[in-house]
């Protein structure tokens, strides 16, 4: 009798909710439309979504690669600066180089030397 009660409840529910003929026609038209065109529409939407995702990911990858290249370039520049500073540091350990800098840039002389001052400015 349980099955009979469910059928009775369904009939009662249908009686409580009566649809107009226009509403029933609209629902039938929608069912026919989506029944016939539902799969192609869904396929087009899914393919469109996938294309959008692929383009978005491609842009993200391109941007990341560009940033990576810039970072590698900056690393190479910094390595060159580090190498130059390392060489300069090694030169500053050499007494002769220090004396040369003192003479050229500071105008210092050794004891007993006579300084020579030119009237003309030094040009590089």
PDB file of N, CA and C in Angstrom:
ATOM      1  N   UNK A   1       0.818  -1.184   0.000  1.00  0.00           N
ATOM      2  CA  UNK A   1       0.000   0.000   0.000  1.00  0.00           C
ATOM      3  C   UNK A   1       0.865   1.253   0.000  1.00  0.00           C
ATOM      4  N   UNK A   2       2.138   1.074   0.284  1.00  0.00           N
ATOM      5  CA  UNK A   2       3.049   2.222   0.316  1.00  0.00           C
ATOM      6  C   UNK A   2       3.126   2.841  -1.065  1.00  0.00           C
ATOM      7  N   UNK A   3       3.217   2.040  -2.123  1.00  0.00           N
ATOM      8  CA  UNK A   3       3.283   2.536  -3.491  1.00  0.00           C
ATOM      9  C   UNK A   3       2.026   3.310  -3.847  1.00  0.00           C
ATOM     10  N   UNK A   4       0.865   2.878  -3.374  1.00  0.00           N
ATOM     11  CA  UNK A   4      -0.397   3.556  -3.654  1.00  0.00           C
ATOM     12  C   UNK A   4      -0.461   4.926  -3.006  1.00  0.00           C
ATOM     13  N   UNK A   5       0.135   5.057  -1.829  1.00  0.00           N
ATOM     14  CA  UNK A   5       0.140   6.351  -1.139  1.00  0.00           C
ATOM     15  C   UNK A   5       0.971   7.364  -1.921  1.00  0.00           C
ATOM     16  N   UNK A   6       2.119   6.930  -2.479  1.00  0.00           N
ATOM     17  CA  UNK A   6       2.966   7.828  -3.266  1.00  0.00           C
ATOM     18  C   UNK A   6       2.237   8.321  -4.507  1.00  0.00           C
ATOM     19  N   UNK A   7       1.529   7.436  -5.184  1.00  0.00           N
ATOM     20  CA  UNK A   7       0.782   7.825  -6.381  1.00  0.00           C
ATOM     21  C   UNK A   7      -0.302   8.826  -5.993  1.00  0.00           C
ATOM     22  N   UNK A   8      -0.971   8.585  -4.870  1.00  0.00           N
ATOM     23  CA  UNK A   8      -2.030   9.490  -4.393  1.00  0.00           C
ATOM     24  C   UNK A   8      -1.450  10.877  -4.082  1.00  0.00           C
ATOM     25  N   UNK A   9      -0.247  10.919  -3.455  1.00  0.00           N
ATOM     26  CA  UNK A   9       0.398  12.190  -3.118  1.00  0.00           C
ATOM     27  C   UNK A   9       0.808  12.943  -4.394  1.00  0.00           C
ATOM     28  N   UNK A  10       1.275  12.208  -5.399  1.00  0.00           N
ATOM     29  CA  UNK A  10       1.690  12.845  -6.648  1.00  0.00           C
ATOM     30  C   UNK A  10       0.485  13.447  -7.364  1.00  0.00           C
ATOM     31  N   UNK A  11      -0.645  12.709  -7.386  1.00  0.00           N
ATOM     32  CA  UNK A  11      -1.849  13.231  -8.031  1.00  0.00           C
ATOM     33  C   UNK A  11      -2.344  14.463  -7.302  1.00  0.00           C
ATOM     34  N   UNK A  12      -2.269  14.426  -5.987  1.00  0.00           N
ATOM     35  CA  UNK A  12      -2.708  15.565  -5.178  1.00  0.00           C
ATOM     36  C   UNK A  12      -1.812  16.775  -5.452  1.00  0.00           C
ATOM     37  N   UNK A  13      -0.506  16.552  -5.570  1.00  0.00           N
ATOM     38  CA  UNK A  13       0.428  17.638  -5.850  1.00  0.00           C
ATOM     39  C   UNK A  13       0.166  18.233  -7.235  1.00  0.00           C
ATOM     40  N   UNK A  14      -0.163  17.375  -8.218  1.00  0.00           N
ATOM     41  CA  UNK A  14      -0.458  17.864  -9.564  1.00  0.00           C
ATOM     42  C   UNK A  14      -1.726  18.701  -9.562  1.00  0.00           C
ATOM     43  N   UNK A  15      -2.702  18.318  -8.776  1.00  0.00           N
ATOM     44  CA  UNK A  15      -3.945  19.078  -8.707  1.00  0.00           C
ATOM     45  C   UNK A  15      -3.692  20.447  -8.085  1.00  0.00           C
ATOM     46  N   UNK A  16      -2.818  20.509  -7.086  1.00  0.00           N
ATOM     47  CA  UNK A  16      -2.537  21.775  -6.411  1.00  0.00           C
ATOM     48  C   UNK A  16      -1.776  22.723  -7.333  1.00  0.00           C
ATOM     49  N   UNK A  17      -0.955  22.210  -8.208  1.00  0.00           N
ATOM     50  CA  UNK A  17      -0.147  23.054  -9.097  1.00  0.00           C
ATOM     51  C   UNK A  17      -0.612  22.831 -10.532  1.00  0.00           C
ATOM     52  N   UNK A  18      -1.572  23.601 -10.964  1.00  0.00           N
ATOM     53  CA  UNK A  18      -2.059  23.499 -12.336  1.00  0.00           C
ATOM     54  C   UNK A  18      -1.376  24.579 -13.153  1.00  0.00           C
ATOM     55  N   UNK A  19      -0.887  24.175 -14.296  1.00  0.00           N
ATOM     56  CA  UNK A  19      -0.215  25.104 -15.189  1.00  0.00           C
ATOM     57  C   UNK A  19      -1.177  25.536 -16.277  1.00  0.00           C
ATOM     58  N   UNK A  20      -0.940  26.747 -16.726  1.00  0.00           N
ATOM     59  CA  UNK A  20      -1.747  27.225 -17.845  1.00  0.00           C
ATOM     60  C   UNK A  20      -1.253  26.549 -19.110  1.00  0.00           C
ATOM     61  N   UNK A  21      -2.068  26.577 -20.150  1.00  0.00           N
ATOM     62  CA  UNK A  21      -1.694  25.944 -21.414  1.00  0.00           C
ATOM     63  C   UNK A  21      -0.457  26.621 -22.002  1.00  0.00           C
ATOM     64  N   UNK A  22      -0.350  27.936 -21.871  1.00  0.00           N
ATOM     65  CA  UNK A  22       0.803  28.663 -22.407  1.00  0.00           C
ATOM     66  C   UNK A  22       2.081  28.241 -21.711  1.00  0.00           C
ATOM     67  N   UNK A  23       1.989  28.070 -20.392  1.00  0.00           N
ATOM     68  CA  UNK A  23       3.171  27.655 -19.623  1.00  0.00           C
ATOM     69  C   UNK A  23       3.561  26.236 -20.005  1.00  0.00           C
ATOM     70  N   UNK A  24       2.594  25.365 -20.194  1.00  0.00           N
ATOM     71  CA  UNK A  24       2.878  23.998 -20.598  1.00  0.00           C
ATOM     72  C   UNK A  24       3.520  23.979 -21.984  1.00  0.00           C
ATOM     73  N   UNK A  25       3.021  24.818 -22.903  1.00  0.00           N
ATOM     74  CA  UNK A  25       3.601  24.892 -24.245  1.00  0.00           C
ATOM     75  C   UNK A  25       5.047  25.392 -24.186  1.00  0.00           C
ATOM     76  N   UNK A  26       5.307  26.369 -23.329  1.00  0.00           N
ATOM     77  CA  UNK A  26       6.668  26.890 -23.186  1.00  0.00           C
ATOM     78  C   UNK A  26       7.618  25.811 -22.675  1.00  0.00           C
ATOM     79  N   UNK A  27       7.177  25.059 -21.704  1.00  0.00           N
ATOM     80  CA  UNK A  27       8.009  23.999 -21.146  1.00  0.00           C
ATOM     81  C   UNK A  27       8.272  22.928 -22.197  1.00  0.00           C
ATOM     82  N   UNK A  28       7.242  22.561 -22.966  1.00  0.00           N
ATOM     83  CA  UNK A  28       7.418  21.560 -24.011  1.00  0.00           C
ATOM     84  C   UNK A  28       8.364  22.073 -25.098  1.00  0.00           C
ATOM     85  N   UNK A  29       8.233  23.350 -25.451  1.00  0.00           N
ATOM     86  CA  UNK A  29       9.129  23.932 -26.457  1.00  0.00           C
ATOM     87  C   UNK A  29      10.572  23.926 -25.949  1.00  0.00           C
ATOM     88  N   UNK A  30      10.766  24.277 -24.691  1.00  0.00           N
ATOM     89  CA  UNK A  30      12.113  24.277 -24.108  1.00  0.00           C
ATOM     90  C   UNK A  30      12.681  22.871 -24.093  1.00  0.00           C
ATOM     91  N   UNK A  31      11.865  21.894 -23.734  1.00  0.00           N
ATOM     92  CA  UNK A  31      12.334  20.503 -23.714  1.00  0.00           C
ATOM     93  C   UNK A  31      12.734  20.060 -25.116  1.00  0.00           C
ATOM     94  N   UNK A  32      11.932  20.434 -26.122  1.00  0.00           N
ATOM     95  CA  UNK A  32      12.257  20.056 -27.499  1.00  0.00           C
ATOM     96  C   UNK A  32      13.562  20.742 -27.933  1.00  0.00           C
ATOM     97  N   UNK A  33      13.672  22.045 -27.609  1.00  0.00           N
ATOM     98  CA  UNK A  33      14.858  22.801 -28.025  1.00  0.00           C
ATOM     99  C   UNK A  33      16.121  22.230 -27.404  1.00  0.00           C
ATOM    100  N   UNK A  34      16.082  22.048 -26.077  1.00  0.00           N
ATOM    101  CA  UNK A  34      17.273  21.540 -25.403  1.00  0.00           C
ATOM    102  C   UNK A  34      17.496  20.065 -25.701  1.00  0.00           C
ATOM    103  N   UNK A  35      16.445  19.350 -25.996  1.00  0.00           N
ATOM    104  CA  UNK A  35      16.607  17.952 -26.387  1.00  0.00           C
ATOM    105  C   UNK A  35      17.316  17.845 -27.722  1.00  0.00           C
ATOM    106  N   UNK A  36      16.991  18.745 -28.646  1.00  0.00           N
ATOM    107  CA  UNK A  36      17.596  18.707 -29.962  1.00  0.00           C
ATOM    108  C   UNK A  36      18.935  19.433 -30.003  1.00  0.00           C
ATOM    109  N   UNK A  37      19.041  20.554 -29.289  1.00  0.00           N
ATOM    110  CA  UNK A  37      20.243  21.392 -29.368  1.00  0.00           C
ATOM    111  C   UNK A  37      21.060  21.441 -28.087  1.00  0.00           C
ATOM    112  N   UNK A  38      20.655  20.729 -27.087  1.00  0.00           N
ATOM    113  CA  UNK A  38      21.343  20.784 -25.794  1.00  0.00           C
ATOM    114  C   UNK A  38      22.788  20.327 -25.863  1.00  0.00           C
ATOM    115  N   UNK A  39      23.030  19.204 -26.502  1.00  0.00           N
ATOM    116  CA  UNK A  39      24.397  18.698 -26.588  1.00  0.00           C
ATOM    117  C   UNK A  39      25.309  19.614 -27.405  1.00  0.00           C
ATOM    118  N   UNK A  40      24.889  20.057 -28.594  1.00  0.00           N
ATOM    119  CA  UNK A  40      25.767  20.969 -29.341  1.00  0.00           C
ATOM    120  C   UNK A  40      26.049  22.276 -28.603  1.00  0.00           C
ATOM    121  N   UNK A  41      25.048  22.820 -27.939  1.00  0.00           N
ATOM    122  CA  UNK A  41      25.254  24.060 -27.176  1.00  0.00           C
ATOM    123  C   UNK A  41      26.237  23.812 -26.037  1.00  0.00           C
ATOM    124  N   UNK A  42      26.045  22.719 -25.320  1.00  0.00           N
ATOM    125  CA  UNK A  42      26.952  22.392 -24.217  1.00  0.00           C
ATOM    126  C   UNK A  42      28.370  22.166 -24.738  1.00  0.00           C
ATOM    127  N   UNK A  43      28.496  21.494 -25.880  1.00  0.00           N
ATOM    128  CA  UNK A  43      29.817  21.233 -26.450  1.00  0.00           C
ATOM    129  C   UNK A  43      30.500  22.545 -26.841  1.00  0.00           C
ATOM    130  N   UNK A  44      29.753  23.448 -27.474  1.00  0.00           N
ATOM    131  CA  UNK A  44      30.317  24.746 -27.857  1.00  0.00           C
ATOM    132  C   UNK A  44      30.737  25.531 -26.619  1.00  0.00           C
ATOM    133  N   UNK A  45      29.923  25.528 -25.591  1.00  0.00           N
ATOM    134  CA  UNK A  45      30.265  26.243 -24.356  1.00  0.00           C
ATOM    135  C   UNK A  45      31.521  25.647 -23.702  1.00  0.00           C
ATOM    136  N   UNK A  46      31.607  24.351 -23.661  1.00  0.00           N
ATOM    137  CA  UNK A  46      32.773  23.699 -23.052  1.00  0.00           C
ATOM    138  C   UNK A  46      34.035  23.995 -23.860  1.00  0.00           C
ATOM    139  N   UNK A  47      33.941  23.894 -25.189  1.00  0.00           N
ATOM    140  CA  UNK A  47      35.102  24.180 -26.045  1.00  0.00           C
ATOM    141  C   UNK A  47      35.512  25.647 -25.895  1.00  0.00           C
ATOM    142  N   UNK A  48      34.528  26.548 -25.863  1.00  0.00           N
ATOM    143  CA  UNK A  48      34.835  27.972 -25.664  1.00  0.00           C
ATOM    144  C   UNK A  48      35.543  28.215 -24.349  1.00  0.00           C
ATOM    145  N   UNK A  49      35.046  27.602 -23.293  1.00  0.00           N
ATOM    146  CA  UNK A  49      35.672  27.742 -21.977  1.00  0.00           C
ATOM    147  C   UNK A  49      37.113  27.224 -22.007  1.00  0.00           C
ATOM    148  N   UNK A  50      37.313  26.081 -22.647  1.00  0.00           N
ATOM    149  CA  UNK A  50      38.657  25.502 -22.720  1.00  0.00           C
ATOM    150  C   UNK A  50      39.598  26.412 -23.515  1.00  0.00           C
ATOM    151  N   UNK A  51      39.109  26.993 -24.609  1.00  0.00           N
ATOM    152  CA  UNK A  51      39.936  27.922 -25.384  1.00  0.00           C
ATOM    153  C   UNK A  51      40.326  29.140 -24.558  1.00  0.00           C
ATOM    154  N   UNK A  52      39.385  29.656 -23.816  1.00  0.00           N
ATOM    155  CA  UNK A  52      39.679  30.810 -22.959  1.00  0.00           C
ATOM    156  C   UNK A  52      40.737  30.439 -21.928  1.00  0.00           C
ATOM    157  N   UNK A  53      40.632  29.265 -21.347  1.00  0.00           N
ATOM    158  CA  UNK A  53      41.611  28.820 -20.358  1.00  0.00           C
ATOM    159  C   UNK A  53      42.989  28.641 -20.994  1.00  0.00           C
ATOM    160  N   UNK A  54      43.039  28.082 -22.200  1.00  0.00           N
ATOM    161  CA  UNK A  54      44.322  27.866 -22.877  1.00  0.00           C
ATOM    162  C   UNK A  54      44.980  29.209 -23.175  1.00  0.00           C
ATOM    163  N   UNK A  55      44.209  30.169 -23.681  1.00  0.00           N
ATOM    164  CA  UNK A  55      44.760  31.494 -23.981  1.00  0.00           C
ATOM    165  C   UNK A  55      45.247  32.166 -22.693  1.00  0.00           C
ATOM    166  N   UNK A  56      44.458  32.063 -21.641  1.00  0.00           N
ATOM    167  CA  UNK A  56      44.843  32.653 -20.356  1.00  0.00           C
ATOM    168  C   UNK A  56      46.144  32.038 -19.841  1.00  0.00           C
ATOM    169  N   UNK A  57      46.262  30.731 -19.905  1.00  0.00           N
ATOM    170  CA  UNK A  57      47.476  30.056 -19.442  1.00  0.00           C
ATOM    171  C   UNK A  57      48.673  30.410 -20.324  1.00  0.00           C
ATOM    172  N   UNK A  58      48.439  30.550 -21.617  1.00  0.00           N
ATOM    173  CA  UNK A  58      49.524  30.929 -22.527  1.00  0.00           C
ATOM    174  C   UNK A  58      50.060  32.310 -22.187  1.00  0.00           C
ATOM    175  N   UNK A  59      49.160  33.225 -21.901  1.00  0.00           N
ATOM    176  CA  UNK A  59      49.577  34.580 -21.517  1.00  0.00           C
ATOM    177  C   UNK A  59      50.366  34.534 -20.216  1.00  0.00           C
ATOM    178  N   UNK A  60      49.904  33.752 -19.260  1.00  0.00           N
ATOM    179  CA  UNK A  60      50.595  33.632 -17.980  1.00  0.00           C
ATOM    180  C   UNK A  60      51.998  33.045 -18.176  1.00  0.00           C
ATOM    181  N   UNK A  61      52.103  32.025 -18.994  1.00  0.00           N
ATOM    182  CA  UNK A  61      53.410  31.396 -19.250  1.00  0.00           C
ATOM    183  C   UNK A  61      54.341  32.369 -19.958  1.00  0.00           C
ATOM    184  N   UNK A  62      53.825  33.109 -20.950  1.00  0.00           N
ATOM    185  CA  UNK A  62      54.643  34.075 -21.674  1.00  0.00           C
ATOM    186  C   UNK A  62      55.171  35.147 -20.720  1.00  0.00           C
ATOM    187  N   UNK A  63      54.307  35.645 -19.848  1.00  0.00           N
ATOM    188  CA  UNK A  63      54.718  36.660 -18.880  1.00  0.00           C
ATOM    189  C   UNK A  63      55.781  36.105 -17.935  1.00  0.00           C
ATOM    190  N   UNK A  64      55.586  34.885 -17.456  1.00  0.00           N
ATOM    191  CA  UNK A  64      56.560  34.274 -16.544  1.00  0.00           C
ATOM    192  C   UNK A  64      57.904  34.069 -17.250  1.00  0.00           C
ATOM    193  N   UNK A  65      57.878  33.655 -18.511  1.00  0.00           N
ATOM    194  CA  UNK A  65      59.130  33.466 -19.252  1.00  0.00           C
ATOM    195  C   UNK A  65      59.847  34.796 -19.462  1.00  0.00           C
ATOM    196  N   UNK A  66      59.091  35.851 -19.747  1.00  0.00           N
ATOM    197  CA  UNK A  66      59.699  37.176 -19.922  1.00  0.00           C
ATOM    198  C   UNK A  66      60.373  37.628 -18.633  1.00  0.00           C
ATOM    199  N   UNK A  67      59.681  37.463 -17.523  1.00  0.00           N
ATOM    200  CA  UNK A  67      60.255  37.841 -16.231  1.00  0.00           C
ATOM    201  C   UNK A  67      61.498  36.999 -15.932  1.00  0.00           C
ATOM    202  N   UNK A  68      61.455  35.723 -16.277  1.00  0.00           N
ATOM    203  CA  UNK A  68      62.589  34.829 -16.055  1.00  0.00           C
ATOM    204  C   UNK A  68      63.800  35.316 -16.852  1.00  0.00           C
ATOM    205  N   UNK A  69      63.583  35.682 -18.101  1.00  0.00           N
ATOM    206  CA  UNK A  69      64.672  36.181 -18.938  1.00  0.00           C
ATOM    207  C   UNK A  69      65.271  37.466 -18.357  1.00  0.00           C
ATOM    208  N   UNK A  70      64.416  38.355 -17.859  1.00  0.00           N
ATOM    209  CA  UNK A  70      64.904  39.594 -17.253  1.00  0.00           C
ATOM    210  C   UNK A  70      65.751  39.306 -16.012  1.00  0.00           C
ATOM    211  N   UNK A  71      65.307  38.360 -15.216  1.00  0.00           N
ATOM    212  CA  UNK A  71      66.051  38.008 -14.004  1.00  0.00           C
ATOM    213  C   UNK A  71      67.405  37.397 -14.378  1.00  0.00           C
ATOM    214  N   UNK A  72      67.419  36.535 -15.386  1.00  0.00           N
ATOM    215  CA  UNK A  72      68.695  35.943 -15.823  1.00  0.00           C
ATOM    216  C   UNK A  72      69.650  37.023 -16.332  1.00  0.00           C
ATOM    217  N   UNK A  73      69.114  38.000 -17.040  1.00  0.00           N
ATOM    218  CA  UNK A  73      69.939  39.092 -17.549  1.00  0.00           C
ATOM    219  C   UNK A  73      70.517  39.906 -16.392  1.00  0.00           C
ATOM    220  N   UNK A  74      69.678  40.198 -15.392  1.00  0.00           N
ATOM    221  CA  UNK A  74      70.159  40.943 -14.222  1.00  0.00           C
ATOM    222  C   UNK A  74      71.216  40.143 -13.465  1.00  0.00           C
ATOM    223  N   UNK A  75      71.050  38.834 -13.393  1.00  0.00           N
ATOM    224  CA  UNK A  75      72.044  37.988 -12.709  1.00  0.00           C
ATOM    225  C   UNK A  75      73.383  38.081 -13.425  1.00  0.00           C
ATOM    226  N   UNK A  76      73.365  38.017 -14.758  1.00  0.00           N
ATOM    227  CA  UNK A  76      74.607  38.118 -15.522  1.00  0.00           C
ATOM    228  C   UNK A  76      75.271  39.479 -15.313  1.00  0.00           C
ATOM    229  N   UNK A  77      74.467  40.545 -15.291  1.00  0.00           N
ATOM    230  CA  UNK A  77      75.018  41.884 -15.058  1.00  0.00           C
ATOM    231  C   UNK A  77      75.661  41.968 -13.671  1.00  0.00           C
ATOM    232  N   UNK A  78      74.995  41.409 -12.683  1.00  0.00           N
ATOM    233  CA  UNK A  78      75.521  41.450 -11.323  1.00  0.00           C
ATOM    234  C   UNK A  78      76.779  40.592 -11.192  1.00  0.00           C
ATOM    235  N   UNK A  79      76.839  39.489 -11.931  1.00  0.00           N
ATOM    236  CA  UNK A  79      78.056  38.670 -11.912  1.00  0.00           C
ATOM    237  C   UNK A  79      79.228  39.457 -12.498  1.00  0.00           C
ATOM    238  N   UNK A  80      78.958  40.225 -13.558  1.00  0.00           N
ATOM    239  CA  UNK A  80      80.015  41.040 -14.160  1.00  0.00           C
ATOM    240  C   UNK A  80      80.499  42.102 -13.179  1.00  0.00           C
ATOM    241  N   UNK A  81      79.556  42.727 -12.468  1.00  0.00           N
ATOM    242  CA  UNK A  81      79.925  43.736 -11.465  1.00  0.00           C
ATOM    243  C   UNK A  81      80.735  43.075 -10.350  1.00  0.00           C
ATOM    244  N   UNK A  82      80.295  41.908  -9.910  1.00  0.00           N
ATOM    245  CA  UNK A  82      80.998  41.193  -8.859  1.00  0.00           C
ATOM    246  C   UNK A  82      82.418  40.843  -9.301  1.00  0.00           C
ATOM    247  N   UNK A  83      82.581  40.407 -10.540  1.00  0.00           N
ATOM    248  CA  UNK A  83      83.900  40.066 -11.064  1.00  0.00           C
ATOM    249  C   UNK A  83      84.802  41.304 -11.087  1.00  0.00           C
ATOM    250  N   UNK A  84      84.244  42.445 -11.549  1.00  0.00           N
ATOM    251  CA  UNK A  84      85.019  43.681 -11.597  1.00  0.00           C
ATOM    252  C   UNK A  84      85.442  44.116 -10.198  1.00  0.00           C
ATOM    253  N   UNK A  85      84.520  44.013  -9.240  1.00  0.00           N
ATOM    254  CA  UNK A  85      84.852  44.385  -7.861  1.00  0.00           C
ATOM    255  C   UNK A  85      85.880  43.438  -7.253  1.00  0.00           C
ATOM    256  N   UNK A  86      85.790  42.170  -7.600  1.00  0.00           N
ATOM    257  CA  UNK A  86      86.759  41.193  -7.104  1.00  0.00           C
ATOM    258  C   UNK A  86      88.159  41.518  -7.635  1.00  0.00           C
ATOM    259  N   UNK A  87      88.241  41.862  -8.930  1.00  0.00           N
ATOM    260  CA  UNK A  87      89.528  42.226  -9.514  1.00  0.00           C
ATOM    261  C   UNK A  87      90.080  43.495  -8.873  1.00  0.00           C
ATOM    262  N   UNK A  88      89.192  44.467  -8.638  1.00  0.00           N
ATOM    263  CA  UNK A  88      89.615  45.712  -8.002  1.00  0.00           C
ATOM    264  C   UNK A  88      90.108  45.455  -6.576  1.00  0.00           C
ATOM    265  N   UNK A  89      89.425  44.558  -5.881  1.00  0.00           N
ATOM    266  CA  UNK A  89      89.829  44.212  -4.514  1.00  0.00           C
ATOM    267  C   UNK A  89      91.214  43.558  -4.520  1.00  0.00           C
ATOM    268  N   UNK A  90      91.446  42.683  -5.488  1.00  0.00           N
ATOM    269  CA  UNK A  90      92.759  42.035  -5.597  1.00  0.00           C
ATOM    270  C   UNK A  90      93.848  43.058  -5.925  1.00  0.00           C
ATOM    271  N   UNK A  91      93.528  44.041  -6.775  1.00  0.00           N
ATOM    272  CA  UNK A  91      94.503  45.079  -7.126  1.00  0.00           C
ATOM    273  C   UNK A  91      94.843  45.937  -5.905  1.00  0.00           C
ATOM    274  N   UNK A  92      93.848  46.158  -5.058  1.00  0.00           N
ATOM    275  CA  UNK A  92      94.086  46.976  -3.874  1.00  0.00           C
ATOM    276  C   UNK A  92      94.953  46.270  -2.841  1.00  0.00           C
ATOM    277  N   UNK A  93      95.230  45.007  -3.042  1.00  0.00           N
ATOM    278  CA  UNK A  93      96.144  44.283  -2.165  1.00  0.00           C
ATOM    279  C   UNK A  93      97.601  44.484  -2.620  1.00  0.00           C
ATOM    280  N   UNK A  94      97.787  44.984  -3.853  1.00  0.00           N
ATOM    281  CA  UNK A  94      99.119  45.188  -4.431  1.00  0.00           C
ATOM    282  C   UNK A  94      99.634  46.582  -4.058  1.00  0.00           C
ATOM    283  N   UNK A  95     100.808  46.618  -3.443  1.00  0.00           N
ATOM    284  CA  UNK A  95     101.382  47.888  -2.976  1.00  0.00           C
ATOM    285  C   UNK A  95     101.664  48.846  -4.134  1.00  0.00           C
ATOM    286  N   UNK A  96     102.153  48.340  -5.240  1.00  0.00           N
ATOM    287  CA  UNK A  96     102.467  49.201  -6.379  1.00  0.00           C
ATOM    288  C   UNK A  96     101.206  49.865  -6.940  1.00  0.00           C
ATOM    289  N   UNK A  97     100.123  49.123  -6.966  1.00  0.00           N
ATOM    290  CA  UNK A  97      98.860  49.685  -7.456  1.00  0.00           C
ATOM    291  C   UNK A  97      98.358  50.787  -6.518  1.00  0.00           C
ATOM    292  N   UNK A  98      98.503  50.565  -5.228  1.00  0.00           N
ATOM    293  CA  UNK A  98      98.085  51.576  -4.249  1.00  0.00           C
ATOM    294  C   UNK A  98      98.921  52.843  -4.417  1.00  0.00           C
ATOM    295  N   UNK A  99     100.240  52.702  -4.618  1.00  0.00           N
ATOM    296  CA  UNK A  99     101.103  53.863  -4.835  1.00  0.00           C
ATOM    297  C   UNK A  99     100.709  54.604  -6.105  1.00  0.00           C
ATOM    298  N   UNK A 100     100.377  53.861  -7.152  1.00  0.00           N
ATOM    299  CA  UNK A 100      99.971  54.483  -8.413  1.00  0.00           C
ATOM    300  C   UNK A 100      98.694  55.301  -8.222  1.00  0.00           C
ATOM    301  N   UNK A 101      97.723  54.762  -7.510  1.00  0.00           N
ATOM    302  CA  UNK A 101      96.473  55.493  -7.242  1.00  0.00           C
ATOM    303  C   UNK A 101      96.778  56.741  -6.414  1.00  0.00           C
ATOM    304  N   UNK A 102      97.641  56.618  -5.403  1.00  0.00           N
ATOM    305  CA  UNK A 102      97.994  57.759  -4.551  1.00  0.00           C
ATOM    306  C   UNK A 102      98.654  58.856  -5.372  1.00  0.00           C
ATOM    307  N   UNK A 103      99.501  58.510  -6.315  1.00  0.00           N
ATOM    308  CA  UNK A 103     100.178  59.504  -7.157  1.00  0.00           C
ATOM    309  C   UNK A 103      99.199  60.156  -8.135  1.00  0.00           C
ATOM    310  N   UNK A 104      98.410  59.337  -8.831  1.00  0.00           N
ATOM    311  CA  UNK A 104      97.548  59.852  -9.894  1.00  0.00           C
ATOM    312  C   UNK A 104      96.331  60.600  -9.362  1.00  0.00           C
ATOM    313  N   UNK A 105      95.665  60.042  -8.390  1.00  0.00           N
ATOM    314  CA  UNK A 105      94.402  60.620  -7.947  1.00  0.00           C
ATOM    315  C   UNK A 105      94.572  61.599  -6.786  1.00  0.00           C
ATOM    316  N   UNK A 106      95.547  61.355  -5.911  1.00  0.00           N
ATOM    317  CA  UNK A 106      95.710  62.204  -4.739  1.00  0.00           C
ATOM    318  C   UNK A 106      96.885  63.184  -4.861  1.00  0.00           C
ATOM    319  N   UNK A 107      97.729  62.976  -5.864  1.00  0.00           N
ATOM    320  CA  UNK A 107      98.867  63.876  -6.068  1.00  0.00           C
ATOM    321  C   UNK A 107      99.966  63.711  -5.034  1.00  0.00           C
ATOM    322  N   UNK A 108     100.053  62.577  -4.406  1.00  0.00           N
ATOM    323  CA  UNK A 108     101.081  62.337  -3.397  1.00  0.00           C
ATOM    324  C   UNK A 108     102.415  61.983  -4.056  1.00  0.00           C
ATOM    325  N   UNK A 109     103.516  62.260  -3.348  1.00  0.00           N
ATOM    326  CA  UNK A 109     104.850  61.942  -3.850  1.00  0.00           C
ATOM    327  C   UNK A 109     105.613  61.205  -2.763  1.00  0.00           C
ATOM    328  N   UNK A 110     106.647  60.488  -3.200  1.00  0.00           N
ATOM    329  CA  UNK A 110     107.501  59.798  -2.236  1.00  0.00           C
ATOM    330  C   UNK A 110     108.466  60.807  -1.618  1.00  0.00           C
ATOM    331  N   UNK A 111     109.038  60.399  -0.510  1.00  0.00           N
ATOM    332  CA  UNK A 111     110.007  61.263   0.174  1.00  0.00           C
ATOM    333  C   UNK A 111     111.218  61.481  -0.732  1.00  0.00           C
ATOM    334  N   UNK A 112     111.596  62.723  -0.899  1.00  0.00           N
ATOM    335  CA  UNK A 112     112.754  63.069  -1.711  1.00  0.00           C
ATOM    336  C   UNK A 112     112.395  63.363  -3.160  1.00  0.00           C
ATOM    337  N   UNK A 113     111.160  63.126  -3.602  1.00  0.00           N
ATOM    338  CA  UNK A 113     110.755  63.434  -4.963  1.00  0.00           C
ATOM    339  C   UNK A 113     110.281  64.881  -5.047  1.00  0.00           C
ATOM    340  N   UNK A 114     110.445  65.451  -6.222  1.00  0.00           N
ATOM    341  CA  UNK A 114     109.964  66.811  -6.443  1.00  0.00           C
ATOM    342  C   UNK A 114     108.682  66.708  -7.257  1.00  0.00           C
ATOM    343  N   UNK A 115     107.590  67.255  -6.735  1.00  0.00           N
ATOM    344  CA  UNK A 115     106.324  67.163  -7.470  1.00  0.00           C
ATOM    345  C   UNK A 115     106.324  68.071  -8.693  1.00  0.00           C
ATOM    346  N   UNK A 116     105.719  67.614  -9.753  1.00  0.00           N
ATOM    347  CA  UNK A 116     105.588  68.393 -10.975  1.00  0.00           C
ATOM    348  C   UNK A 116     104.107  68.666 -11.174  1.00  0.00           C
ATOM    349  N   UNK A 117     103.739  69.929 -11.235  1.00  0.00           N
ATOM    350  CA  UNK A 117     102.337  70.302 -11.400  1.00  0.00           C
ATOM    351  C   UNK A 117     102.196  70.949 -12.783  1.00  0.00           C
ATOM    352  N   UNK A 118     101.358  70.405 -13.581  1.00  0.00           N
ATOM    353  CA  UNK A 118     101.146  70.900 -14.931  1.00  0.00           C
ATOM    354  C   UNK A 118     100.078  71.979 -14.926  1.00  0.00           C
ATOM    355  N   UNK A 119     100.213  72.934 -15.837  1.00  0.00           N
ATOM    356  CA  UNK A 119      99.199  73.983 -15.959  1.00  0.00           C
ATOM    357  C   UNK A 119      97.978  73.471 -16.693  1.00  0.00           C
ATOM    358  N   UNK A 120      98.151  72.414 -17.425  1.00  0.00           N
ATOM    359  CA  UNK A 120      97.081  71.907 -18.250  1.00  0.00           C
ATOM    360  C   UNK A 120      96.324  70.821 -17.501  1.00  0.00           C
ATOM    361  N   UNK A 121      95.007  70.851 -17.680  1.00  0.00           N
ATOM    362  CA  UNK A 121      94.179  69.837 -17.012  1.00  0.00           C
ATOM    363  C   UNK A 121      94.334  68.506 -17.728  1.00  0.00           C
ATOM    364  N   UNK A 122      94.310  67.474 -16.935  1.00  0.00           N
ATOM    365  CA  UNK A 122      94.443  66.127 -17.471  1.00  0.00           C
ATOM    366  C   UNK A 122      93.098  65.742 -18.114  1.00  0.00           C
ATOM    367  N   UNK A 123      93.137  65.254 -19.333  1.00  0.00           N
ATOM    368  CA  UNK A 123      91.912  64.822 -20.001  1.00  0.00           C
ATOM    369  C   UNK A 123      91.986  63.314 -20.234  1.00  0.00           C
ATOM    370  N   UNK A 124      90.851  62.684 -20.039  1.00  0.00           N
ATOM    371  CA  UNK A 124      90.802  61.225 -20.223  1.00  0.00           C
ATOM    372  C   UNK A 124      90.214  60.897 -21.559  1.00  0.00           C
TER     373      UNK A 124
END
